[in-house]
Amino acid sequence: MQTVRQIAEAIVAREGGFVDDPDDPGGATKHGVTIHTMRRLGLDLDRDGDVDVGDVRALSRSRAVDIFVDHYFHRVRVDALPEALHASVFDMYVNSGANAVRILQRLLGRMGHPVAVDGRIGPQTAGAARAVAGRAPAHLADAYGIARRNYYYALADRRPTSRKYARRRDGGKGGWIRRAEEFISARHHLTDAQHRERTKTWA
């Protein structure tokens, strides 16, 4: 299995460099770290008295990895989950915050282990996840990845400005869908035809 730092380095590579997309609620972002996160952490990298876009541009890859390991893995207790979920939940937490945990909590409920859907990894959520993983870790990892993929589709259903992240201009799978499927066994990947059928009602 990958180390936590290796997972974080893969996330940084997946996120890419500096972007400031007006359709992205995260705002200015570099290596997956948003300006909101940098303000919360007080990262005034250029020491001009505030945290602005210039500080986002100045963020290094190694600093981004450190932020993810400290604040998106250990601090939110992804480390309390079974190892089979570490990479996908960690990646999703970087991408969507506490929704990553809510997706897991709803999934655990459907699997017969109802837990509070509060977006926090406490003893109840961690225990339920370990109970399921103890029987079928690969199944849990796939089920979580599929639930994550469904979350992205549903989000794009509700928010038309986000559809470009789930579907390319040519109609193929967008970054969100490909990202989710990186953590799902190939046999559960949607075909191109299935993806196009799922998104055919989008303008």
Protein backbone atom coordinates (compact mmCIF):
# COMPACT_ATOMS: atom_id res chain seq x y z
CA MET A 1 0.00 0.00 0.00
CA GLN A 2 1.04 3.59 -0.59
CA THR A 3 2.25 5.76 2.24
CA VAL A 4 0.15 8.77 3.21
CA ARG A 5 2.73 11.09 1.69
CA GLN A 6 2.72 9.13 -1.58
CA ILE A 7 -1.07 9.44 -1.72
CA ALA A 8 -0.78 13.18 -1.08
CA GLU A 9 1.85 13.56 -3.80
CA ALA A 10 -0.48 11.80 -6.23
CA ILE A 11 -3.29 14.18 -5.26
CA VAL A 12 -1.06 17.19 -5.92
CA ALA A 13 -0.12 15.77 -9.32
CA ARG A 14 -3.79 15.14 -10.11
CA GLU A 15 -4.83 18.64 -9.09
CA GLY A 16 -2.29 20.41 -11.30
CA GLY A 17 -0.94 23.94 -11.05
CA PHE A 18 -2.50 27.34 -10.54
CA VAL A 19 -6.12 27.86 -11.64
CA ASP A 20 -8.68 30.56 -10.91
CA ASP A 21 -11.92 29.32 -12.48
CA PRO A 22 -14.90 31.61 -11.78
CA ASP A 23 -17.19 28.55 -11.84
CA ASP A 24 -15.21 26.85 -9.05
CA PRO A 25 -16.45 27.80 -5.56
CA GLY A 26 -12.94 27.10 -4.27
CA GLY A 27 -11.61 30.22 -5.97
CA ALA A 28 -7.92 30.61 -6.77
CA THR A 29 -6.21 27.23 -6.30
CA LYS A 30 -2.75 25.77 -6.75
CA HIS A 31 -1.84 22.10 -6.38
CA GLY A 32 -5.39 21.61 -5.04
CA VAL A 33 -4.96 24.08 -2.15
CA THR A 34 -7.58 26.82 -2.29
CA ILE A 35 -7.19 30.44 -1.28
CA HIS A 36 -9.80 29.78 1.42
CA THR A 37 -7.62 27.07 2.97
CA MET A 38 -4.57 29.30 2.82
CA ARG A 39 -6.46 32.11 4.55
CA ARG A 40 -7.72 29.73 7.22
CA LEU A 41 -4.13 28.62 7.85
CA GLY A 42 -2.76 32.18 7.69
CA LEU A 43 -0.30 31.37 4.90
CA ASP A 44 0.97 34.84 3.97
CA LEU A 45 3.82 33.47 1.89
CA ASP A 46 4.89 36.80 0.42
CA ARG A 47 4.65 38.49 3.85
CA ASP A 48 2.70 41.49 2.62
CA GLY A 49 0.17 41.39 5.45
CA ASP A 50 -2.63 39.47 3.75
CA VAL A 51 -3.35 36.17 2.04
CA ASP A 52 -4.29 36.76 -1.58
CA VAL A 53 -3.86 35.30 -5.06
CA GLY A 54 -0.16 36.11 -4.97
CA ASP A 55 0.27 33.76 -2.03
CA VAL A 56 -1.61 31.02 -3.86
CA ARG A 57 0.74 31.42 -6.83
CA ALA A 58 3.74 31.17 -4.48
CA LEU A 59 2.67 27.84 -2.95
CA SER A 60 5.17 25.03 -3.58
CA ARG A 61 4.28 21.41 -4.31
CA SER A 62 5.98 20.19 -1.14
CA ARG A 63 4.06 22.71 0.99
CA ALA A 64 0.82 21.56 -0.61
CA VAL A 65 1.66 17.94 0.23
CA ASP A 66 2.37 18.94 3.84
CA ILE A 67 -0.98 20.76 4.06
CA PHE A 68 -2.88 17.76 2.75
CA VAL A 69 -1.17 15.24 5.03
CA ASP A 70 -1.61 17.40 8.13
CA HIS A 71 -5.03 18.97 7.55
CA TYR A 72 -6.88 16.64 5.14
CA PHE A 73 -5.70 13.26 6.41
CA HIS A 74 -4.56 13.29 10.05
CA ARG A 75 -6.57 16.22 11.41
CA VAL A 76 -9.89 15.01 9.96
CA ARG A 77 -9.11 11.42 11.06
CA VAL A 78 -9.01 9.68 7.70
CA ASP A 79 -6.28 7.66 9.40
CA ALA A 80 -8.97 6.11 11.64
CA LEU A 81 -10.65 4.49 8.63
CA PRO A 82 -9.63 1.11 7.23
CA GLU A 83 -6.64 1.28 4.90
CA ALA A 84 -8.75 0.25 1.91
CA LEU A 85 -10.47 3.66 2.08
CA HIS A 86 -7.47 5.87 2.78
CA ALA A 87 -6.58 6.90 -0.77
CA SER A 88 -10.12 7.53 -2.05
CA VAL A 89 -11.53 9.30 1.02
CA PHE A 90 -8.34 11.40 1.33
CA ASP A 91 -8.53 12.37 -2.34
CA MET A 92 -12.23 13.17 -2.05
CA TYR A 93 -11.71 15.24 1.10
CA VAL A 94 -9.23 17.41 -0.78
CA ASN A 95 -11.74 17.73 -3.62
CA SER A 96 -14.95 18.19 -1.65
CA GLY A 97 -14.27 18.63 2.07
CA ALA A 98 -16.62 17.04 4.59
CA ASN A 99 -18.85 15.75 1.78
CA ALA A 100 -16.26 13.00 1.40
CA VAL A 101 -17.22 11.72 4.84
CA ARG A 102 -20.95 12.23 4.36
CA ILE A 103 -20.80 10.05 1.24
CA LEU A 104 -19.16 7.32 3.32
CA GLN A 105 -21.63 7.70 6.19
CA ARG A 106 -24.64 7.37 3.88
CA LEU A 107 -23.02 4.34 2.24
CA LEU A 108 -22.43 2.67 5.59
CA GLY A 109 -26.09 3.21 6.45
CA ARG A 110 -27.16 1.50 3.22
CA MET A 111 -24.84 -1.37 4.14
CA GLY A 112 -26.64 -1.93 7.43
CA HIS A 113 -24.42 0.19 9.68
CA PRO A 114 -26.36 3.41 10.26
CA VAL A 115 -24.22 6.27 11.56
CA ALA A 116 -24.78 9.99 11.96
CA VAL A 117 -24.32 11.83 8.67
CA ASP A 118 -22.37 14.74 10.09
CA GLY A 119 -19.25 14.87 7.92
CA ARG A 120 -16.96 13.97 10.83
CA ILE A 121 -14.95 10.78 11.32
CA GLY A 122 -15.59 9.76 14.91
CA PRO A 123 -15.56 6.37 16.64
CA GLN A 124 -18.99 5.42 15.24
CA THR A 125 -18.08 6.05 11.60
CA ALA A 126 -14.62 4.54 11.92
CA GLY A 127 -15.98 1.46 13.69
CA ALA A 128 -18.70 0.88 11.11
CA ALA A 129 -16.21 1.25 8.25
CA ARG A 130 -13.82 -1.20 9.90
CA ALA A 131 -16.65 -3.69 10.43
CA VAL A 132 -17.55 -3.62 6.73
CA ALA A 133 -13.93 -3.66 5.59
CA GLY A 134 -13.21 -6.61 7.84
CA ARG A 135 -15.51 -8.71 5.69
CA ALA A 136 -14.84 -7.24 2.24
CA PRO A 137 -12.30 -4.40 1.98
CA ALA A 138 -12.21 -4.35 -1.82
CA HIS A 139 -16.01 -4.27 -1.98
CA LEU A 140 -16.12 -1.31 0.39
CA ALA A 141 -13.50 0.58 -1.63
CA ASP A 142 -15.43 -0.01 -4.86
CA ALA A 143 -18.76 0.89 -3.26
CA TYR A 144 -17.31 4.14 -1.94
CA GLY A 145 -15.83 5.01 -5.32
CA ILE A 146 -19.16 4.35 -7.03
CA ALA A 147 -21.00 6.46 -4.44
CA ARG A 148 -18.46 9.20 -5.04
CA ARG A 149 -19.02 9.01 -8.79
CA ASN A 150 -22.78 9.22 -8.23
CA TYR A 151 -22.25 12.28 -6.02
CA TYR A 152 -20.43 14.06 -8.84
CA TYR A 153 -23.17 13.26 -11.35
CA ALA A 154 -25.87 14.43 -8.94
CA LEU A 155 -23.95 17.64 -8.21
CA ALA A 156 -23.68 18.37 -11.92
CA ASP A 157 -27.40 17.62 -12.32
CA ARG A 158 -28.16 20.37 -9.79
CA ARG A 159 -25.45 22.83 -10.78
CA PRO A 160 -25.11 23.34 -14.54
CA THR A 161 -21.91 25.39 -14.18
CA SER A 162 -20.22 22.27 -12.78
CA ARG A 163 -21.12 19.99 -15.68
CA LYS A 164 -17.86 20.80 -17.45
CA TYR A 165 -16.03 18.96 -14.65
CA ALA A 166 -18.08 15.79 -15.17
CA ARG A 167 -18.39 15.79 -18.96
CA ARG A 168 -15.94 16.92 -21.61
CA ARG A 169 -16.99 19.10 -24.51
CA ASP A 170 -16.97 16.04 -26.76
CA GLY A 171 -19.36 14.27 -24.36
CA GLY A 172 -16.79 11.93 -22.83
CA LYS A 173 -16.03 11.51 -19.15
CA GLY A 174 -14.84 14.68 -17.46
CA GLY A 175 -12.19 15.02 -14.78
CA TRP A 176 -14.50 14.36 -11.85
CA ILE A 177 -15.71 11.04 -13.26
CA ARG A 178 -12.27 9.87 -14.31
CA ARG A 179 -10.94 10.85 -10.89
CA ALA A 180 -13.57 8.80 -9.07
CA GLU A 181 -12.93 5.80 -11.30
CA GLU A 182 -9.22 5.80 -10.47
CA PHE A 183 -10.31 4.27 -7.16
CA ILE A 184 -12.84 1.78 -8.57
CA SER A 185 -12.04 -1.65 -10.00
CA ALA A 186 -12.08 -1.58 -13.80
CA ARG A 187 -15.06 -3.93 -13.95
CA HIS A 188 -17.18 -1.21 -12.33
CA HIS A 189 -16.13 1.61 -14.67
CA LEU A 190 -18.89 3.02 -16.82
CA THR A 191 -18.56 2.57 -20.54
CA ASP A 192 -18.53 5.66 -22.70
CA ALA A 193 -22.06 4.82 -23.81
CA GLN A 194 -23.27 4.52 -20.21
CA HIS A 195 -21.69 7.86 -19.33
CA ARG A 196 -23.31 9.54 -22.32
CA GLU A 197 -26.68 8.04 -21.40
CA ARG A 198 -26.29 9.35 -17.84
CA THR A 199 -25.57 12.87 -19.01
CA LYS A 200 -27.81 13.09 -22.08
CA THR A 201 -30.28 15.48 -20.44
CA TRP A 202 -27.61 18.08 -19.73
CA ALA A 203 -27.66 21.08 -22.01
